[in-house]
Amino acid sequence: MNNESDYLWDKTGEPDPEIRELEEILGTLRYQPRPLDIPANVSIGGRRSFFRSATPSLAIAATIVMLLLGLGVWLGWQRLQKGEPAPQALELLRARLQMARPRHDVDR
């Protein structure tokens, strides 16, 4: 094949005999357009059930819930591994409980 021929790109020039033979062999596999055949028994736009229409939304919501639960467990595990003290809210609750207890230190 000479350098001036662009037969492989735009079908100009004379093709090599090998290229012509390959085109004949592979020509049967070439795309052949045809109209779309839809069977008559297929219903289009039928009524959808609740579960069929809500399934993707429920799956997404369940995935988000599972991710948040997993993140909470992982963060709790990390806190235990580092030996961090209890959160401030628990300390505040303990202080309030001690203040609410009746005092028995009255002298008789």
Foldseek 3Di string as FASTA:
>chain_A
DDPVDPCVPPNPDDDDPVVVVVCVVCVVVDDDDDDDDDDPPDDPPDDDDPCVVCVVVVVVVVVVVVVVVVVVVVVVVVCVVVVPDDDPVVVVVVVVVVVPDDDPPDDD
